[in-house]
Amino acid sequence: MPADLYARYMDAHRNWADHAAGCGTCTTTRPGCPDGIPLWERYCRLQDAYLTHLCTRGTQ
C-alpha cells in the first residue's frame, strides 16, 4: 500500500501543478477556480495520508 499511496500522491501533485500552471486564478499554493478546488483537496488529502504514513511507520 505505501508504494500505491506514494504513486497516488505524486499523481495528484502533478495534476494540481499542471492545472495551476495553466489556470489564471489558481496559484501553486491555493485554488482559485471551481475546477481547481477538487484537485487541490485531493492533493492535500493524499499528502496528509502519505506524511501520516511516514510518521507512523517507525512506531509499528
Protein backbone atom coordinates (compact mmCIF):
# COMPACT_ATOMS: atom_id res chain seq x y z
CA MET A 1 0.00 0.00 0.00
CA PRO A 2 2.70 2.64 0.75
CA ALA A 3 4.03 2.48 -2.82
CA ASP A 4 0.49 2.86 -4.17
CA LEU A 5 -0.17 5.73 -1.76
CA TYR A 6 3.01 7.47 -2.87
CA ALA A 7 2.12 6.99 -6.55
CA ARG A 8 -1.38 8.42 -6.00
CA TYR A 9 0.09 11.35 -4.02
CA MET A 10 2.59 12.15 -6.79
CA ASP A 11 -0.11 11.81 -9.45
CA ALA A 12 -2.35 14.24 -7.54
CA HIS A 13 0.57 16.65 -7.24
CA ARG A 14 1.22 16.52 -10.98
CA ASN A 15 -2.46 17.04 -11.76
CA TRP A 16 -2.62 20.01 -9.41
CA ALA A 17 0.63 21.56 -10.68
CA ASP A 18 -0.44 21.17 -14.31
CA HIS A 19 -3.78 22.79 -13.59
CA ALA A 20 -2.29 25.64 -11.54
CA ALA A 21 0.27 26.38 -14.25
CA GLY A 22 -2.42 26.85 -16.87
CA CYS A 23 -5.14 28.45 -14.75
CA GLY A 24 -5.47 32.19 -14.50
CA THR A 25 -6.90 32.16 -10.97
CA CYS A 26 -5.23 29.23 -9.17
CA THR A 27 -1.74 29.59 -7.76
CA THR A 28 0.66 26.81 -6.84
CA THR A 29 -0.36 27.21 -3.18
CA ARG A 30 -4.09 27.94 -3.41
CA PRO A 31 -7.03 27.00 -5.60
CA GLY A 32 -8.96 29.85 -7.13
CA CYS A 33 -11.43 28.28 -9.53
CA PRO A 34 -14.15 25.63 -9.29
CA ASP A 35 -12.10 23.14 -11.34
CA GLY A 36 -9.04 23.60 -9.12
CA ILE A 37 -10.73 23.03 -5.77
CA PRO A 38 -11.22 19.24 -6.07
CA LEU A 39 -7.69 18.83 -7.48
CA TRP A 40 -6.24 20.81 -4.55
CA GLU A 41 -8.33 18.89 -1.99
CA ARG A 42 -7.26 15.51 -3.39
CA TYR A 43 -3.62 16.58 -3.39
CA CYS A 44 -3.86 17.81 0.23
CA ARG A 45 -5.70 14.68 1.39
CA LEU A 46 -3.14 12.35 -0.17
CA GLN A 47 -0.24 14.43 1.09
CA ASP A 48 -1.61 14.23 4.64
CA ALA A 49 -2.14 10.48 4.31
CA TYR A 50 1.37 9.93 2.99
CA LEU A 51 3.02 12.08 5.67
CA THR A 52 0.99 10.31 8.36
CA HIS A 53 2.19 7.00 6.96
CA LEU A 54 5.80 8.18 7.16
CA CYS A 55 5.38 9.35 10.74
CA THR A 56 3.73 6.14 11.93
CA ARG A 57 5.75 3.51 10.09
CA GLY A 58 8.54 3.61 12.64
CA THR A 59 6.19 3.13 15.59
CA GLN A 60 4.72 -0.17 14.48
